């Protein structure tokens, strides 16, 4: 068995892919992926069919590469996994499921009663639970024993806003308590920002963006005003590069970050103009918008 990949300081890396390929017949789900992830908190983003779930299955050894290699820095026994479509033992009751988790992994690592927090009836069979309750039951293995890595694939699917907030808070407490590593695949950017320090964006089985979230910076402003023509004239006068887009709130003026914009906006408002909205967009948000179009 090969040694786990190492970072420069000698600690195990979270993920290493070398010329990784996974095919299903003539279709390539993963195509020549080369990544080396040293962060302990990795987010996987991308549209449906981008290869996120396939990459996770390769990480866990549930499927094998068609060619190339994938290595993890954590033994399988120290991982806890919540797949996108979990297959729980539906004949068990929730109480029996908790007993099985304690038998396999040990006691709950948190002081909270997870079953109570999730609002799960101990006598209900897993197969009879609603989609949201079933998702909570699938999340329960995370909290038993002492995981060194948790792998989450769309962890809050089917949860309402209140349940989602509670689940995310408990996962955050779990991470803080165990200091475990995290790999999270989701379409929710806010969840990645909550848990992850590094992000890998996939499209059609290929890595298209890999960066530290800690270095993500504002690169674009979006502005709507009462008199777009007047602001556009001011921007042209100062040779500021911009574009105009139609939106539900009117014409949006999009421009890259520039120190000149503040003096232009000050002049615009002093001459009676009104700013309806002003938002900043980071590089990661812009890339995702382009991918999902």
C-alpha atoms as a PDB file:
ATOM      1  CA  UNK A   1       0.000   0.000   0.000  1.00  0.00           C
ATOM      2  CA  UNK A   2       1.375   3.427  -0.964  1.00  0.00           C
ATOM      3  CA  UNK A   3       2.091   6.047   1.670  1.00  0.00           C
ATOM      4  CA  UNK A   4      -0.484   8.820   2.082  1.00  0.00           C
ATOM      5  CA  UNK A   5       0.495  12.038   0.246  1.00  0.00           C
ATOM      6  CA  UNK A   6       2.428  14.552   2.344  1.00  0.00           C
ATOM      7  CA  UNK A   7       2.376  18.331   2.545  1.00  0.00           C
ATOM      8  CA  UNK A   8       5.583  20.354   2.692  1.00  0.00           C
ATOM      9  CA  UNK A   9       5.587  20.233   6.494  1.00  0.00           C
ATOM     10  CA  UNK A  10       5.322  16.433   6.448  1.00  0.00           C
ATOM     11  CA  UNK A  11       1.662  16.098   7.504  1.00  0.00           C
ATOM     12  CA  UNK A  12      -0.718  13.990   5.387  1.00  0.00           C
ATOM     13  CA  UNK A  13      -2.446  15.902   2.589  1.00  0.00           C
ATOM     14  CA  UNK A  14      -6.212  15.750   2.360  1.00  0.00           C
ATOM     15  CA  UNK A  15      -6.407  14.725  -1.301  1.00  0.00           C
ATOM     16  CA  UNK A  16      -4.065  13.945  -4.172  1.00  0.00           C
ATOM     17  CA  UNK A  17      -5.185  13.098  -7.724  1.00  0.00           C
ATOM     18  CA  UNK A  18      -2.660  12.216 -10.432  1.00  0.00           C
ATOM     19  CA  UNK A  19      -3.937  11.948 -14.030  1.00  0.00           C
ATOM     20  CA  UNK A  20      -7.207  10.661 -12.556  1.00  0.00           C
ATOM     21  CA  UNK A  21      -9.753   9.313 -15.033  1.00  0.00           C
ATOM     22  CA  UNK A  22     -13.085   7.598 -14.422  1.00  0.00           C
ATOM     23  CA  UNK A  23     -15.180   6.438 -17.357  1.00  0.00           C
ATOM     24  CA  UNK A  24     -18.594   4.828 -17.603  1.00  0.00           C
ATOM     25  CA  UNK A  25     -18.666   3.260 -21.047  1.00  0.00           C
ATOM     26  CA  UNK A  26     -17.827   6.063 -23.469  1.00  0.00           C
ATOM     27  CA  UNK A  27     -18.601   8.827 -20.976  1.00  0.00           C
ATOM     28  CA  UNK A  28     -15.840  10.392 -18.898  1.00  0.00           C
ATOM     29  CA  UNK A  29     -17.112  11.364 -15.445  1.00  0.00           C
ATOM     30  CA  UNK A  30     -13.606  12.431 -14.341  1.00  0.00           C
ATOM     31  CA  UNK A  31     -11.093  13.515 -16.959  1.00  0.00           C
ATOM     32  CA  UNK A  32      -7.330  13.740 -16.343  1.00  0.00           C
ATOM     33  CA  UNK A  33      -7.648  15.423 -12.952  1.00  0.00           C
ATOM     34  CA  UNK A  34      -4.461  16.573 -11.245  1.00  0.00           C
ATOM     35  CA  UNK A  35      -4.877  18.208  -7.833  1.00  0.00           C
ATOM     36  CA  UNK A  36      -2.954  18.296  -4.574  1.00  0.00           C
ATOM     37  CA  UNK A  37      -5.002  19.587  -1.659  1.00  0.00           C
ATOM     38  CA  UNK A  38      -3.198  20.437   1.563  1.00  0.00           C
ATOM     39  CA  UNK A  39      -6.057  22.231   3.325  1.00  0.00           C
ATOM     40  CA  UNK A  40      -7.982  20.355   6.004  1.00  0.00           C
ATOM     41  CA  UNK A  41     -11.242  21.987   4.926  1.00  0.00           C
ATOM     42  CA  UNK A  42     -12.080  21.444   1.251  1.00  0.00           C
ATOM     43  CA  UNK A  43     -15.222  22.443  -0.604  1.00  0.00           C
ATOM     44  CA  UNK A  44     -16.265  20.860  -3.908  1.00  0.00           C
ATOM     45  CA  UNK A  45     -18.497  22.998  -6.098  1.00  0.00           C
ATOM     46  CA  UNK A  46     -19.970  22.606  -9.542  1.00  0.00           C
ATOM     47  CA  UNK A  47     -23.230  22.122 -11.450  1.00  0.00           C
ATOM     48  CA  UNK A  48     -25.060  18.801 -11.607  1.00  0.00           C
ATOM     49  CA  UNK A  49     -23.045  16.280 -13.613  1.00  0.00           C
ATOM     50  CA  UNK A  50     -19.759  18.053 -12.911  1.00  0.00           C
ATOM     51  CA  UNK A  51     -18.215  14.969 -11.257  1.00  0.00           C
ATOM     52  CA  UNK A  52     -18.465  15.895  -7.556  1.00  0.00           C
ATOM     53  CA  UNK A  53     -20.225  12.707  -6.439  1.00  0.00           C
ATOM     54  CA  UNK A  54     -18.017  10.522  -8.655  1.00  0.00           C
ATOM     55  CA  UNK A  55     -14.906  12.099  -7.121  1.00  0.00           C
ATOM     56  CA  UNK A  56     -16.221  11.412  -3.623  1.00  0.00           C
ATOM     57  CA  UNK A  57     -16.926   7.753  -4.488  1.00  0.00           C
ATOM     58  CA  UNK A  58     -13.360   7.480  -5.786  1.00  0.00           C
ATOM     59  CA  UNK A  59     -12.050   9.023  -2.549  1.00  0.00           C
ATOM     60  CA  UNK A  60     -13.885   6.401  -0.520  1.00  0.00           C
ATOM     61  CA  UNK A  61     -12.885   3.452  -2.698  1.00  0.00           C
ATOM     62  CA  UNK A  62     -16.519   2.715  -3.585  1.00  0.00           C
ATOM     63  CA  UNK A  63     -15.462   2.814  -7.234  1.00  0.00           C
ATOM     64  CA  UNK A  64     -11.998   2.583  -8.769  1.00  0.00           C
ATOM     65  CA  UNK A  65     -10.174   4.816 -11.265  1.00  0.00           C
ATOM     66  CA  UNK A  66     -10.162   3.815 -14.920  1.00  0.00           C
ATOM     67  CA  UNK A  67      -6.614   5.182 -14.931  1.00  0.00           C
ATOM     68  CA  UNK A  68      -4.426   7.424 -12.803  1.00  0.00           C
ATOM     69  CA  UNK A  69      -4.529   7.468  -9.019  1.00  0.00           C
ATOM     70  CA  UNK A  70      -6.278   9.069  -6.073  1.00  0.00           C
ATOM     71  CA  UNK A  71      -4.862   9.090  -2.544  1.00  0.00           C
ATOM     72  CA  UNK A  72      -6.234  10.279   0.769  1.00  0.00           C
ATOM     73  CA  UNK A  73      -4.357  11.198   3.928  1.00  0.00           C
ATOM     74  CA  UNK A  74      -6.887   9.470   6.231  1.00  0.00           C
ATOM     75  CA  UNK A  75      -7.572   5.710   6.619  1.00  0.00           C
ATOM     76  CA  UNK A  76     -11.116   4.675   5.628  1.00  0.00           C
ATOM     77  CA  UNK A  77     -11.891   3.531   9.182  1.00  0.00           C
ATOM     78  CA  UNK A  78     -11.432   7.091  10.467  1.00  0.00           C
ATOM     79  CA  UNK A  79     -13.859   8.616   7.932  1.00  0.00           C
ATOM     80  CA  UNK A  80     -17.551   9.356   8.281  1.00  0.00           C
ATOM     81  CA  UNK A  81     -19.485   9.756   5.065  1.00  0.00           C
ATOM     82  CA  UNK A  82     -22.865  11.199   4.154  1.00  0.00           C
ATOM     83  CA  UNK A  83     -23.483  10.433   0.451  1.00  0.00           C
ATOM     84  CA  UNK A  84     -25.896  12.333  -1.767  1.00  0.00           C
ATOM     85  CA  UNK A  85     -28.277   9.364  -1.802  1.00  0.00           C
ATOM     86  CA  UNK A  86     -27.691   7.439   1.449  1.00  0.00           C
ATOM     87  CA  UNK A  87     -28.804   3.817   1.677  1.00  0.00           C
ATOM     88  CA  UNK A  88     -29.667   3.216   5.335  1.00  0.00           C
ATOM     89  CA  UNK A  89     -30.905  -0.119   6.781  1.00  0.00           C
ATOM     90  CA  UNK A  90     -34.568   0.775   6.340  1.00  0.00           C
ATOM     91  CA  UNK A  91     -35.853  -2.140   8.440  1.00  0.00           C
ATOM     92  CA  UNK A  92     -34.233  -0.692  11.598  1.00  0.00           C
ATOM     93  CA  UNK A  93     -35.934   1.756  13.939  1.00  0.00           C
ATOM     94  CA  UNK A  94     -34.203   5.009  14.799  1.00  0.00           C
ATOM     95  CA  UNK A  95     -33.347   3.612  18.261  1.00  0.00           C
ATOM     96  CA  UNK A  96     -31.841   0.481  16.674  1.00  0.00           C
ATOM     97  CA  UNK A  97     -29.891   2.689  14.249  1.00  0.00           C
ATOM     98  CA  UNK A  98     -28.424   4.673  17.162  1.00  0.00           C
ATOM     99  CA  UNK A  99     -27.518   1.418  18.929  1.00  0.00           C
ATOM    100  CA  UNK A 100     -25.764   0.167  15.790  1.00  0.00           C
ATOM    101  CA  UNK A 101     -23.779   3.400  15.477  1.00  0.00           C
ATOM    102  CA  UNK A 102     -22.669   3.158  19.117  1.00  0.00           C
ATOM    103  CA  UNK A 103     -21.644  -0.469  18.567  1.00  0.00           C
ATOM    104  CA  UNK A 104     -19.601   0.356  15.447  1.00  0.00           C
ATOM    105  CA  UNK A 105     -18.075   3.728  16.349  1.00  0.00           C
ATOM    106  CA  UNK A 106     -18.548   4.303  20.070  1.00  0.00           C
ATOM    107  CA  UNK A 107     -20.500   6.926  21.987  1.00  0.00           C
ATOM    108  CA  UNK A 108     -21.614  10.290  20.662  1.00  0.00           C
ATOM    109  CA  UNK A 109     -18.724  12.738  20.779  1.00  0.00           C
ATOM    110  CA  UNK A 110     -20.944  15.755  21.595  1.00  0.00           C
ATOM    111  CA  UNK A 111     -22.828  16.424  24.805  1.00  0.00           C
ATOM    112  CA  UNK A 112     -26.042  16.990  22.854  1.00  0.00           C
ATOM    113  CA  UNK A 113     -28.534  14.174  22.334  1.00  0.00           C
ATOM    114  CA  UNK A 114     -28.375  14.146  18.529  1.00  0.00           C
ATOM    115  CA  UNK A 115     -31.527  12.071  18.132  1.00  0.00           C
ATOM    116  CA  UNK A 116     -33.450  14.559  20.263  1.00  0.00           C
ATOM    117  CA  UNK A 117     -31.904  17.561  18.491  1.00  0.00           C
ATOM    118  CA  UNK A 118     -32.933  16.064  15.141  1.00  0.00           C
ATOM    119  CA  UNK A 119     -36.459  15.402  16.394  1.00  0.00           C
ATOM    120  CA  UNK A 120     -36.422  11.720  15.384  1.00  0.00           C
ATOM    121  CA  UNK A 121     -38.940   9.301  16.904  1.00  0.00           C
ATOM    122  CA  UNK A 122     -36.978   6.317  18.241  1.00  0.00           C
ATOM    123  CA  UNK A 123     -39.757   3.853  17.352  1.00  0.00           C
ATOM    124  CA  UNK A 124     -40.027   4.968  13.704  1.00  0.00           C
ATOM    125  CA  UNK A 125     -38.431   2.742  11.078  1.00  0.00           C
ATOM    126  CA  UNK A 126     -35.840   4.402   8.887  1.00  0.00           C
ATOM    127  CA  UNK A 127     -37.753   3.343   5.801  1.00  0.00           C
ATOM    128  CA  UNK A 128     -40.856   5.237   6.958  1.00  0.00           C
ATOM    129  CA  UNK A 129     -39.140   8.590   7.537  1.00  0.00           C
ATOM    130  CA  UNK A 130     -39.810  11.659   5.422  1.00  0.00           C
ATOM    131  CA  UNK A 131     -37.037  12.860   3.101  1.00  0.00           C
ATOM    132  CA  UNK A 132     -35.873  15.456   5.645  1.00  0.00           C
ATOM    133  CA  UNK A 133     -35.948  13.014   8.572  1.00  0.00           C
ATOM    134  CA  UNK A 134     -34.129  10.401   6.504  1.00  0.00           C
ATOM    135  CA  UNK A 135     -31.411  12.951   5.725  1.00  0.00           C
ATOM    136  CA  UNK A 136     -30.998  13.669   9.451  1.00  0.00           C
ATOM    137  CA  UNK A 137     -30.724   9.947  10.181  1.00  0.00           C
ATOM    138  CA  UNK A 138     -28.039   9.701   7.477  1.00  0.00           C
ATOM    139  CA  UNK A 139     -26.097  12.496   9.199  1.00  0.00           C
ATOM    140  CA  UNK A 140     -26.061  10.775  12.592  1.00  0.00           C
ATOM    141  CA  UNK A 141     -22.910   8.625  12.019  1.00  0.00           C
ATOM    142  CA  UNK A 142     -20.866  11.838  11.917  1.00  0.00           C
ATOM    143  CA  UNK A 143     -21.366  12.343  15.638  1.00  0.00           C
ATOM    144  CA  UNK A 144     -20.300   8.912  16.929  1.00  0.00           C
ATOM    145  CA  UNK A 145     -16.748   7.955  17.818  1.00  0.00           C
ATOM    146  CA  UNK A 146     -13.948  10.343  16.901  1.00  0.00           C
ATOM    147  CA  UNK A 147     -13.812  10.889  13.118  1.00  0.00           C
ATOM    148  CA  UNK A 148     -10.662  12.308  11.568  1.00  0.00           C
ATOM    149  CA  UNK A 149     -12.370  13.165   8.271  1.00  0.00           C
ATOM    150  CA  UNK A 150     -16.012  13.793   7.450  1.00  0.00           C
ATOM    151  CA  UNK A 151     -17.112  13.647   3.812  1.00  0.00           C
ATOM    152  CA  UNK A 152     -20.400  15.354   3.049  1.00  0.00           C
ATOM    153  CA  UNK A 153     -22.224  15.232  -0.285  1.00  0.00           C
ATOM    154  CA  UNK A 154     -25.089  17.760  -0.337  1.00  0.00           C
ATOM    155  CA  UNK A 155     -25.558  17.328   3.448  1.00  0.00           C
ATOM    156  CA  UNK A 156     -28.577  19.625   3.835  1.00  0.00           C
ATOM    157  CA  UNK A 157     -30.684  18.385   0.918  1.00  0.00           C
ATOM    158  CA  UNK A 158     -34.399  18.074   1.821  1.00  0.00           C
ATOM    159  CA  UNK A 159     -34.012  20.118   5.030  1.00  0.00           C
ATOM    160  CA  UNK A 160     -36.082  23.210   5.748  1.00  0.00           C
ATOM    161  CA  UNK A 161     -34.396  26.438   6.858  1.00  0.00           C
ATOM    162  CA  UNK A 162     -34.758  25.774  10.604  1.00  0.00           C
ATOM    163  CA  UNK A 163     -33.540  22.156  10.394  1.00  0.00           C
ATOM    164  CA  UNK A 164     -30.713  23.196   8.089  1.00  0.00           C
ATOM    165  CA  UNK A 165     -29.482  25.830  10.554  1.00  0.00           C
ATOM    166  CA  UNK A 166     -29.550  23.352  13.448  1.00  0.00           C
ATOM    167  CA  UNK A 167     -27.716  20.677  11.450  1.00  0.00           C
ATOM    168  CA  UNK A 168     -25.019  23.097  10.277  1.00  0.00           C
ATOM    169  CA  UNK A 169     -24.470  24.376  13.831  1.00  0.00           C
ATOM    170  CA  UNK A 170     -24.058  20.810  15.143  1.00  0.00           C
ATOM    171  CA  UNK A 171     -21.627  19.929  12.346  1.00  0.00           C
ATOM    172  CA  UNK A 172     -19.651  23.085  13.122  1.00  0.00           C
ATOM    173  CA  UNK A 173     -19.483  22.078  16.798  1.00  0.00           C
ATOM    174  CA  UNK A 174     -18.394  18.564  15.783  1.00  0.00           C
ATOM    175  CA  UNK A 175     -15.538  19.988  13.704  1.00  0.00           C
ATOM    176  CA  UNK A 176     -14.437  22.288  16.518  1.00  0.00           C
ATOM    177  CA  UNK A 177     -14.586  19.429  19.042  1.00  0.00           C
ATOM    178  CA  UNK A 178     -12.816  16.710  17.042  1.00  0.00           C
ATOM    179  CA  UNK A 179     -10.576  18.933  14.848  1.00  0.00           C
ATOM    180  CA  UNK A 180     -11.509  16.597  12.002  1.00  0.00           C
ATOM    181  CA  UNK A 181     -10.872  17.363   8.341  1.00  0.00           C
ATOM    182  CA  UNK A 182     -13.795  18.177   6.068  1.00  0.00           C
ATOM    183  CA  UNK A 183     -14.564  17.513   2.416  1.00  0.00           C
ATOM    184  CA  UNK A 184     -17.935  18.956   1.424  1.00  0.00           C
ATOM    185  CA  UNK A 185     -19.630  18.765  -1.966  1.00  0.00           C
ATOM    186  CA  UNK A 186     -22.560  21.133  -2.246  1.00  0.00           C
ATOM    187  CA  UNK A 187     -24.226  23.621  -4.558  1.00  0.00           C
ATOM    188  CA  UNK A 188     -24.586  26.091  -1.668  1.00  0.00           C
ATOM    189  CA  UNK A 189     -21.731  28.579  -1.629  1.00  0.00           C
ATOM    190  CA  UNK A 190     -22.671  29.760   1.874  1.00  0.00           C
ATOM    191  CA  UNK A 191     -22.110  26.237   3.253  1.00  0.00           C
ATOM    192  CA  UNK A 192     -18.676  26.059   1.668  1.00  0.00           C
ATOM    193  CA  UNK A 193     -17.795  29.435   3.181  1.00  0.00           C
ATOM    194  CA  UNK A 194     -19.012  28.224   6.593  1.00  0.00           C
ATOM    195  CA  UNK A 195     -16.815  25.104   6.714  1.00  0.00           C
ATOM    196  CA  UNK A 196     -14.059  25.292   4.125  1.00  0.00           C
ATOM    197  CA  UNK A 197     -10.787  27.132   3.596  1.00  0.00           C
ATOM    198  CA  UNK A 198     -10.105  25.860   0.092  1.00  0.00           C
ATOM    199  CA  UNK A 199     -12.366  25.215  -2.874  1.00  0.00           C
ATOM    200  CA  UNK A 200     -12.171  23.019  -5.952  1.00  0.00           C
ATOM    201  CA  UNK A 201     -14.675  23.764  -8.732  1.00  0.00           C
ATOM    202  CA  UNK A 202     -15.468  21.021 -11.221  1.00  0.00           C
ATOM    203  CA  UNK A 203     -17.105  21.146 -14.625  1.00  0.00           C
ATOM    204  CA  UNK A 204     -17.683  18.073 -16.788  1.00  0.00           C
ATOM    205  CA  UNK A 205     -15.263  16.032 -14.705  1.00  0.00           C
ATOM    206  CA  UNK A 206     -12.423  18.524 -14.912  1.00  0.00           C
ATOM    207  CA  UNK A 207     -10.989  20.887 -12.311  1.00  0.00           C
ATOM    208  CA  UNK A 208     -11.630  24.441 -13.554  1.00  0.00           C
ATOM    209  CA  UNK A 209     -10.724  26.436 -10.434  1.00  0.00           C
ATOM    210  CA  UNK A 210      -8.757  25.666  -7.286  1.00  0.00           C
ATOM    211  CA  UNK A 211      -8.058  28.362  -4.746  1.00  0.00           C
ATOM    212  CA  UNK A 212      -7.961  29.331  -1.099  1.00  0.00           C
ATOM    213  CA  UNK A 213     -11.154  30.960   0.128  1.00  0.00           C
ATOM    214  CA  UNK A 214      -8.989  32.947   2.517  1.00  0.00           C
ATOM    215  CA  UNK A 215      -7.541  34.746  -0.514  1.00  0.00           C
ATOM    216  CA  UNK A 216     -10.833  35.319  -2.339  1.00  0.00           C
ATOM    217  CA  UNK A 217     -11.125  39.046  -2.963  1.00  0.00           C
ATOM    218  CA  UNK A 218     -13.716  41.421  -4.349  1.00  0.00           C
ATOM    219  CA  UNK A 219     -13.050  41.986  -8.047  1.00  0.00           C
ATOM    220  CA  UNK A 220     -16.356  43.352  -9.306  1.00  0.00           C
ATOM    221  CA  UNK A 221     -19.086  45.813  -8.296  1.00  0.00           C
ATOM    222  CA  UNK A 222     -22.715  45.784  -9.389  1.00  0.00           C
ATOM    223  CA  UNK A 223     -24.624  49.082  -9.179  1.00  0.00           C
ATOM    224  CA  UNK A 224     -28.192  50.175  -9.946  1.00  0.00           C
ATOM    225  CA  UNK A 225     -29.143  53.856  -9.924  1.00  0.00           C
ATOM    226  CA  UNK A 226     -32.080  56.095 -10.766  1.00  0.00           C
ATOM    227  CA  UNK A 227     -30.294  57.602 -13.795  1.00  0.00           C
ATOM    228  CA  UNK A 228     -28.054  54.960 -15.464  1.00  0.00           C
ATOM    229  CA  UNK A 229     -27.294  57.240 -18.409  1.00  0.00           C
ATOM    230  CA  UNK A 230     -25.792  59.901 -16.183  1.00  0.00           C
ATOM    231  CA  UNK A 231     -23.574  57.406 -14.308  1.00  0.00           C
ATOM    232  CA  UNK A 232     -22.510  55.759 -17.578  1.00  0.00           C
ATOM    233  CA  UNK A 233     -21.446  59.157 -18.937  1.00  0.00           C
ATOM    234  CA  UNK A 234     -19.346  59.765 -15.815  1.00  0.00           C
ATOM    235  CA  UNK A 235     -17.679  56.354 -16.136  1.00  0.00           C
ATOM    236  CA  UNK A 236     -16.895  56.962 -19.812  1.00  0.00           C
ATOM    237  CA  UNK A 237     -15.468  60.375 -18.963  1.00  0.00           C
ATOM    238  CA  UNK A 238     -12.991  58.706 -16.570  1.00  0.00           C
ATOM    239  CA  UNK A 239     -12.272  55.816 -18.991  1.00  0.00           C
ATOM    240  CA  UNK A 240     -13.633  53.227 -16.553  1.00  0.00           C
ATOM    241  CA  UNK A 241     -14.318  49.851 -18.172  1.00  0.00           C
ATOM    242  CA  UNK A 242     -17.865  48.625 -17.455  1.00  0.00           C
ATOM    243  CA  UNK A 243     -20.777  46.720 -18.937  1.00  0.00           C
ATOM    244  CA  UNK A 244     -24.531  47.035 -18.602  1.00  0.00           C
ATOM    245  CA  UNK A 245     -26.886  44.123 -17.919  1.00  0.00           C
ATOM    246  CA  UNK A 246     -30.676  43.866 -17.724  1.00  0.00           C
ATOM    247  CA  UNK A 247     -32.011  42.629 -14.378  1.00  0.00           C
ATOM    248  CA  UNK A 248     -35.304  42.430 -12.498  1.00  0.00           C
ATOM    249  CA  UNK A 249     -34.406  45.633 -10.644  1.00  0.00           C
ATOM    250  CA  UNK A 250     -33.435  47.559 -13.772  1.00  0.00           C
ATOM    251  CA  UNK A 251     -30.165  48.201 -15.567  1.00  0.00           C
ATOM    252  CA  UNK A 252     -27.158  46.943 -13.616  1.00  0.00           C
ATOM    253  CA  UNK A 253     -23.819  48.594 -14.222  1.00  0.00           C
ATOM    254  CA  UNK A 254     -21.009  46.050 -13.726  1.00  0.00           C
ATOM    255  CA  UNK A 255     -17.433  47.198 -13.321  1.00  0.00           C
ATOM    256  CA  UNK A 256     -14.148  45.912 -11.944  1.00  0.00           C
ATOM    257  CA  UNK A 257     -12.772  47.229  -8.682  1.00  0.00           C
ATOM    258  CA  UNK A 258     -11.204  50.657  -9.078  1.00  0.00           C
ATOM    259  CA  UNK A 259     -10.292  53.355  -6.574  1.00  0.00           C
ATOM    260  CA  UNK A 260     -11.825  55.922  -8.947  1.00  0.00           C
ATOM    261  CA  UNK A 261     -15.350  54.544  -8.488  1.00  0.00           C
ATOM    262  CA  UNK A 262     -15.737  56.145  -5.039  1.00  0.00           C
ATOM    263  CA  UNK A 263     -15.135  59.697  -6.262  1.00  0.00           C
ATOM    264  CA  UNK A 264     -17.439  59.093  -9.241  1.00  0.00           C
ATOM    265  CA  UNK A 265     -20.252  57.827  -7.012  1.00  0.00           C
ATOM    266  CA  UNK A 266     -19.757  60.730  -4.605  1.00  0.00           C
ATOM    267  CA  UNK A 267     -20.068  63.171  -7.505  1.00  0.00           C
ATOM    268  CA  UNK A 268     -23.108  61.307  -8.855  1.00  0.00           C
ATOM    269  CA  UNK A 269     -24.960  61.568  -5.530  1.00  0.00           C
ATOM    270  CA  UNK A 270     -23.905  65.190  -4.915  1.00  0.00           C
ATOM    271  CA  UNK A 271     -25.481  66.071  -8.258  1.00  0.00           C
ATOM    272  CA  UNK A 272     -28.767  64.537  -7.112  1.00  0.00           C
ATOM    273  CA  UNK A 273     -28.396  60.931  -8.282  1.00  0.00           C
ATOM    274  CA  UNK A 274     -29.781  58.069  -6.214  1.00  0.00           C
ATOM    275  CA  UNK A 275     -28.041  54.719  -5.725  1.00  0.00           C
ATOM    276  CA  UNK A 276     -30.630  51.940  -5.446  1.00  0.00           C
ATOM    277  CA  UNK A 277     -28.226  49.034  -4.878  1.00  0.00           C
ATOM    278  CA  UNK A 278     -24.505  48.447  -4.591  1.00  0.00           C
ATOM    279  CA  UNK A 279     -23.044  44.967  -4.223  1.00  0.00           C
ATOM    280  CA  UNK A 280     -19.566  43.495  -4.340  1.00  0.00           C
ATOM    281  CA  UNK A 281     -18.845  40.158  -6.003  1.00  0.00           C
ATOM    282  CA  UNK A 282     -15.836  37.964  -5.385  1.00  0.00           C
ATOM    283  CA  UNK A 283     -13.995  35.944  -8.001  1.00  0.00           C
ATOM    284  CA  UNK A 284     -15.507  32.666  -6.793  1.00  0.00           C
ATOM    285  CA  UNK A 285     -19.069  33.969  -7.138  1.00  0.00           C
ATOM    286  CA  UNK A 286     -18.404  35.190 -10.672  1.00  0.00           C
ATOM    287  CA  UNK A 287     -16.905  31.871 -11.766  1.00  0.00           C
ATOM    288  CA  UNK A 288     -19.908  29.996 -10.358  1.00  0.00           C
ATOM    289  CA  UNK A 289     -22.351  32.331 -12.099  1.00  0.00           C
ATOM    290  CA  UNK A 290     -20.625  31.637 -15.421  1.00  0.00           C
ATOM    291  CA  UNK A 291     -20.679  27.863 -14.809  1.00  0.00           C
ATOM    292  CA  UNK A 292     -24.377  27.749 -13.956  1.00  0.00           C
ATOM    293  CA  UNK A 293     -25.502  29.861 -16.920  1.00  0.00           C
END
